[in-house]
Structure formats: structure tokens, C-alpha cells
N, C-alpha and C. Protein backbone atom coordinates (compact mmCIF):
# COMPACT_ATOMS: atom_id res chain seq x y z
N UNK A 1 2.90 -45.99 -10.16
CA UNK A 1 2.04 -47.10 -9.86
C UNK A 1 0.69 -46.95 -10.51
N UNK A 2 0.21 -45.71 -10.26
CA UNK A 2 -1.10 -45.48 -10.81
C UNK A 2 -1.35 -45.42 -12.39
N UNK A 3 -0.10 -44.98 -12.79
CA UNK A 3 -0.06 -45.04 -14.32
C UNK A 3 0.07 -46.36 -14.83
N UNK A 4 0.72 -47.43 -14.24
CA UNK A 4 0.71 -48.76 -14.68
C UNK A 4 -0.58 -49.27 -14.60
N UNK A 5 -1.24 -49.20 -13.38
CA UNK A 5 -2.54 -49.80 -13.36
C UNK A 5 -3.61 -49.12 -14.43
N UNK A 6 -3.53 -47.87 -14.58
CA UNK A 6 -4.36 -47.11 -15.59
C UNK A 6 -3.97 -47.76 -17.05
N UNK A 7 -2.82 -48.03 -17.24
CA UNK A 7 -2.37 -48.59 -18.70
C UNK A 7 -2.96 -49.99 -18.72
N UNK A 8 -2.95 -50.74 -17.61
CA UNK A 8 -3.41 -52.20 -17.67
C UNK A 8 -4.89 -52.16 -17.88
N UNK A 9 -5.66 -51.20 -17.23
CA UNK A 9 -7.09 -51.11 -17.33
C UNK A 9 -7.34 -50.75 -18.71
N UNK A 10 -6.76 -49.80 -19.44
CA UNK A 10 -7.04 -49.41 -20.71
C UNK A 10 -6.67 -50.61 -21.61
N UNK A 11 -5.52 -51.29 -21.45
CA UNK A 11 -5.18 -52.38 -22.22
C UNK A 11 -6.32 -53.48 -22.16
N UNK A 12 -6.76 -53.79 -20.96
CA UNK A 12 -7.71 -54.90 -20.70
C UNK A 12 -9.15 -54.35 -21.41
N UNK A 13 -9.50 -53.14 -21.19
CA UNK A 13 -10.58 -52.66 -21.93
C UNK A 13 -10.73 -52.82 -23.36
N UNK A 14 -9.52 -52.64 -23.99
CA UNK A 14 -9.26 -52.68 -25.53
C UNK A 14 -9.40 -54.16 -25.91
N UNK A 15 -8.84 -55.06 -24.97
CA UNK A 15 -9.01 -56.48 -25.26
C UNK A 15 -10.33 -56.91 -25.21
N UNK A 16 -11.04 -56.53 -24.28
CA UNK A 16 -12.49 -56.95 -24.09
C UNK A 16 -13.29 -56.38 -25.28
N UNK A 17 -13.10 -55.12 -25.66
CA UNK A 17 -13.74 -54.51 -26.81
C UNK A 17 -13.54 -55.46 -27.99
N UNK A 18 -12.30 -55.87 -28.33
CA UNK A 18 -11.99 -56.70 -29.43
C UNK A 18 -12.72 -58.03 -29.32
N UNK A 19 -12.73 -58.63 -28.18
CA UNK A 19 -13.44 -59.92 -28.07
C UNK A 19 -14.99 -59.77 -28.18
N UNK A 20 -15.49 -58.61 -27.79
CA UNK A 20 -16.83 -58.26 -27.93
C UNK A 20 -17.26 -58.23 -29.35
N UNK A 21 -16.43 -57.44 -30.17
CA UNK A 21 -16.61 -57.28 -31.53
C UNK A 21 -16.55 -58.80 -32.29
N UNK A 22 -15.69 -59.53 -31.99
CA UNK A 22 -15.55 -60.87 -32.57
C UNK A 22 -16.81 -61.81 -32.15
N UNK A 23 -17.28 -61.56 -31.07
CA UNK A 23 -18.43 -62.44 -30.67
C UNK A 23 -19.64 -61.86 -31.30
N UNK A 24 -19.77 -60.50 -31.37
CA UNK A 24 -20.96 -59.87 -32.03
C UNK A 24 -21.00 -60.25 -33.62
N UNK A 25 -19.80 -60.30 -34.05
CA UNK A 25 -19.69 -60.70 -35.48
C UNK A 25 -20.19 -62.02 -35.80
N UNK A 26 -19.70 -63.07 -34.98
CA UNK A 26 -20.13 -64.41 -35.02
C UNK A 26 -21.68 -64.41 -34.83
N UNK A 27 -22.30 -63.72 -33.80
CA UNK A 27 -23.64 -63.85 -33.45
C UNK A 27 -24.40 -63.07 -34.70
N UNK A 28 -24.00 -61.98 -35.28
CA UNK A 28 -24.48 -61.41 -36.38
C UNK A 28 -24.63 -62.20 -37.64
N UNK A 29 -23.52 -63.03 -37.95
CA UNK A 29 -23.54 -63.89 -39.02
C UNK A 29 -24.52 -65.05 -38.84
N UNK A 30 -24.62 -65.69 -37.65
CA UNK A 30 -25.79 -66.62 -37.53
C UNK A 30 -27.07 -66.01 -37.62
N UNK A 31 -27.25 -64.88 -36.93
CA UNK A 31 -28.56 -64.36 -37.11
C UNK A 31 -28.92 -63.95 -38.64
N UNK A 32 -28.06 -63.46 -39.20
CA UNK A 32 -28.29 -63.16 -40.63
C UNK A 32 -28.85 -64.46 -41.36
N UNK A 33 -28.01 -65.67 -41.20
CA UNK A 33 -28.26 -66.84 -41.68
C UNK A 33 -29.61 -67.39 -41.35
N UNK A 34 -29.91 -67.14 -40.11
CA UNK A 34 -31.28 -67.50 -39.56
C UNK A 34 -32.48 -66.85 -40.32
N UNK A 35 -32.09 -65.51 -40.44
CA UNK A 35 -33.12 -64.50 -41.09
C UNK A 35 -33.40 -64.86 -42.49
N UNK A 36 -32.17 -65.11 -43.29
CA UNK A 36 -32.29 -65.44 -44.46
C UNK A 36 -33.13 -66.80 -44.82
N UNK A 37 -32.79 -67.77 -43.94
CA UNK A 37 -33.63 -69.06 -44.15
C UNK A 37 -35.12 -68.94 -43.79
N UNK A 38 -35.41 -67.97 -42.79
CA UNK A 38 -36.82 -67.80 -42.53
C UNK A 38 -37.56 -67.07 -43.56
N UNK A 39 -36.84 -66.09 -44.27
CA UNK A 39 -37.47 -65.25 -45.32
C UNK A 39 -37.59 -66.17 -46.50
N UNK A 40 -36.67 -67.09 -46.66
CA UNK A 40 -36.70 -67.95 -47.92
C UNK A 40 -37.73 -68.97 -47.74
N UNK A 41 -38.07 -69.33 -46.56
CA UNK A 41 -39.20 -70.39 -46.17
C UNK A 41 -40.53 -69.66 -46.35
N UNK A 42 -40.57 -68.52 -45.84
CA UNK A 42 -41.93 -67.87 -45.97
C UNK A 42 -42.19 -67.57 -47.39
N UNK A 43 -41.16 -67.09 -48.18
CA UNK A 43 -41.31 -66.73 -49.57
C UNK A 43 -41.79 -68.18 -50.44
N UNK A 44 -41.07 -69.15 -50.02
CA UNK A 44 -41.48 -70.44 -50.76
C UNK A 44 -42.90 -70.84 -50.41
N UNK A 45 -43.26 -70.69 -49.16
CA UNK A 45 -44.61 -71.08 -48.72
C UNK A 45 -45.64 -70.26 -49.51
N UNK A 46 -45.37 -68.91 -49.64
CA UNK A 46 -46.30 -67.92 -50.41
C UNK A 46 -46.40 -68.51 -51.86
N UNK A 47 -45.20 -68.79 -52.37
CA UNK A 47 -45.25 -69.25 -53.79
C UNK A 47 -45.88 -70.51 -53.94
N UNK A 48 -45.82 -71.56 -53.04
CA UNK A 48 -46.55 -72.82 -53.22
C UNK A 48 -48.00 -72.51 -53.02
N UNK A 49 -48.47 -71.72 -52.11
CA UNK A 49 -49.89 -71.42 -51.92
C UNK A 49 -50.37 -70.56 -53.18
N UNK A 50 -49.56 -69.77 -53.85
CA UNK A 50 -50.01 -69.23 -55.14
C UNK A 50 -50.11 -70.12 -56.16
N UNK A 51 -49.20 -71.16 -56.37
CA UNK A 51 -49.24 -72.13 -57.25
C UNK A 51 -50.53 -72.98 -57.22
N UNK A 52 -50.85 -73.38 -56.00
CA UNK A 52 -51.92 -74.17 -55.64
C UNK A 52 -53.19 -73.49 -56.05
N UNK A 53 -53.31 -72.14 -55.81
CA UNK A 53 -54.42 -71.38 -56.00
C UNK A 53 -54.48 -71.45 -57.60
N UNK A 54 -53.52 -71.08 -58.23
CA UNK A 54 -53.40 -70.94 -59.76
C UNK A 54 -53.98 -72.26 -60.35
N UNK A 55 -53.36 -73.52 -59.64
CA UNK A 55 -53.72 -74.81 -60.28
C UNK A 55 -55.21 -74.94 -60.07
N UNK A 56 -55.69 -74.64 -58.86
CA UNK A 56 -57.22 -74.80 -58.59
C UNK A 56 -57.95 -74.10 -59.63
N UNK A 57 -57.44 -72.88 -59.85
CA UNK A 57 -58.28 -71.83 -60.78
C UNK A 57 -58.30 -72.61 -62.18
N UNK A 58 -57.07 -72.97 -62.58
CA UNK A 58 -56.84 -73.64 -63.97
C UNK A 58 -57.74 -75.02 -63.91
N UNK A 59 -57.77 -75.74 -62.92
CA UNK A 59 -58.60 -76.96 -62.94
C UNK A 59 -60.06 -76.60 -63.00
N UNK A 60 -60.50 -75.55 -62.36
CA UNK A 60 -61.87 -75.07 -62.24
C UNK A 60 -62.33 -74.65 -63.62
N UNK A 61 -61.37 -73.90 -64.35
CA UNK A 61 -61.67 -73.43 -65.68
C UNK A 61 -61.62 -74.49 -66.68
N UNK A 62 -60.78 -75.42 -66.44
CA UNK A 62 -60.88 -76.76 -67.36
C UNK A 62 -62.07 -77.52 -67.09
N UNK A 63 -62.69 -77.47 -65.85
CA UNK A 63 -63.93 -78.35 -65.70
C UNK A 63 -65.14 -77.57 -66.34
N UNK A 64 -65.01 -76.25 -66.10
CA UNK A 64 -65.99 -75.33 -66.84
C UNK A 64 -65.94 -75.48 -68.36
N UNK A 65 -64.86 -75.59 -68.88
CA UNK A 65 -64.74 -75.84 -70.43
C UNK A 65 -65.20 -77.03 -70.78
N UNK A 66 -64.97 -78.11 -69.95
CA UNK A 66 -65.25 -79.51 -70.30
C UNK A 66 -66.76 -79.65 -70.23
N UNK A 67 -67.44 -79.07 -69.22
CA UNK A 67 -68.85 -79.11 -69.10
C UNK A 67 -69.54 -78.42 -70.18
N UNK A 68 -69.06 -77.22 -70.53
CA UNK A 68 -69.49 -76.43 -71.61
C UNK A 68 -69.47 -77.25 -72.98
N UNK A 69 -68.32 -78.02 -73.17
CA UNK A 69 -68.35 -78.58 -74.42
C UNK A 69 -69.15 -79.80 -74.52
N UNK A 70 -69.37 -80.51 -73.32
CA UNK A 70 -70.46 -81.42 -73.23
C UNK A 70 -71.72 -81.09 -73.34
N UNK A 71 -72.13 -79.84 -72.87
CA UNK A 71 -73.36 -79.31 -73.12
C UNK A 71 -73.58 -78.91 -74.62
N UNK A 72 -72.53 -78.45 -75.19
CA UNK A 72 -72.65 -78.09 -76.66
C UNK A 72 -72.92 -79.48 -77.47
N UNK A 73 -72.15 -80.37 -77.09
CA UNK A 73 -72.40 -81.72 -77.80
C UNK A 73 -73.70 -82.23 -77.76
N UNK A 74 -74.25 -82.08 -76.33
CA UNK A 74 -75.52 -82.60 -76.18
C UNK A 74 -76.60 -81.83 -77.02
N UNK A 75 -76.38 -80.38 -77.11
CA UNK A 75 -77.30 -79.58 -77.77
C UNK A 75 -77.27 -80.06 -79.26
N UNK A 76 -76.06 -80.15 -79.83
CA UNK A 76 -75.99 -80.51 -81.29
C UNK A 76 -76.56 -81.85 -81.45
N UNK A 77 -76.53 -82.94 -80.42
CA UNK A 77 -77.17 -84.27 -80.75
C UNK A 77 -78.62 -83.89 -80.72
N UNK A 78 -79.21 -83.24 -79.67
CA UNK A 78 -80.58 -82.99 -79.61
C UNK A 78 -81.17 -82.32 -80.90
N UNK A 79 -80.47 -81.37 -81.29
CA UNK A 79 -81.02 -80.62 -82.51
C UNK A 79 -80.77 -81.48 -83.66
N UNK A 80 -79.80 -82.39 -83.89
CA UNK A 80 -79.59 -83.35 -84.86
C UNK A 80 -80.84 -84.25 -84.80
N UNK A 81 -81.00 -84.80 -83.62
CA UNK A 81 -82.24 -85.82 -83.46
C UNK A 81 -83.48 -85.06 -83.74
N UNK A 82 -83.80 -83.86 -83.31
CA UNK A 82 -85.13 -83.33 -83.42
C UNK A 82 -85.24 -82.94 -85.02
N UNK A 83 -84.23 -82.73 -85.92
CA UNK A 83 -84.36 -82.44 -87.28
C UNK A 83 -84.58 -83.82 -88.06
N UNK A 84 -84.05 -84.87 -87.28
CA UNK A 84 -84.28 -86.19 -88.03
C UNK A 84 -85.63 -86.90 -87.67
N UNK A 85 -86.16 -86.48 -86.48
CA UNK A 85 -87.36 -87.12 -86.01
C UNK A 85 -88.63 -86.96 -86.92
N UNK A 86 -88.86 -85.78 -87.34
CA UNK A 86 -90.08 -85.81 -88.13
C UNK A 86 -89.89 -86.51 -89.57
N UNK A 87 -88.68 -86.73 -89.95
CA UNK A 87 -88.45 -87.34 -91.29
C UNK A 87 -88.71 -88.80 -91.23
N UNK A 88 -88.68 -89.33 -90.07
CA UNK A 88 -88.73 -90.89 -89.84
C UNK A 88 -90.13 -91.35 -90.02
């Protein structure tokens, strides 16, 4: 009798172990999926912020070049006018 009940307990423990492994595998798959999406979201956010910063830097640089070009044109016009002024 003791042997039969011991065998049943061992069999039940084996069954429980298999169910536990199946459950853990399902949970692990879901957890890995969540971690993957979380990491992808964070990476995407970092890339978006980097692109915004680069775009801002590019826009600032373009503004600087535009202002410099305007200054150079104004200088050229004033130099041109100052050369023409005494002749008139």
C-alpha cells in the first residue's frame, strides 16, 4: 500500500512539474514580448529625440548661414554705395 501511494505521489509531482514548466514557458514568452516592445519603444524615443536635436541644430546652422549671407549682401551693398557716393 505504501509503495502505491508513494508511486502516486511521485507521478503527481511529475505531472505538477510538467504543468509548471508549461506555465513558466507561456509566462516567459509573454515577458520577453513585453521586454522587447518596451526596449523598442525606448530606443525609438531616443532616436526621435536625437533626430529632433539634429534637426534643431541643422535649422540653427541654416539660420546662421542665412543671416551671415544677408550681412555679406548688406556689406557689399554699402561698400558699393560708398564707392559710388563720391562720384555722384
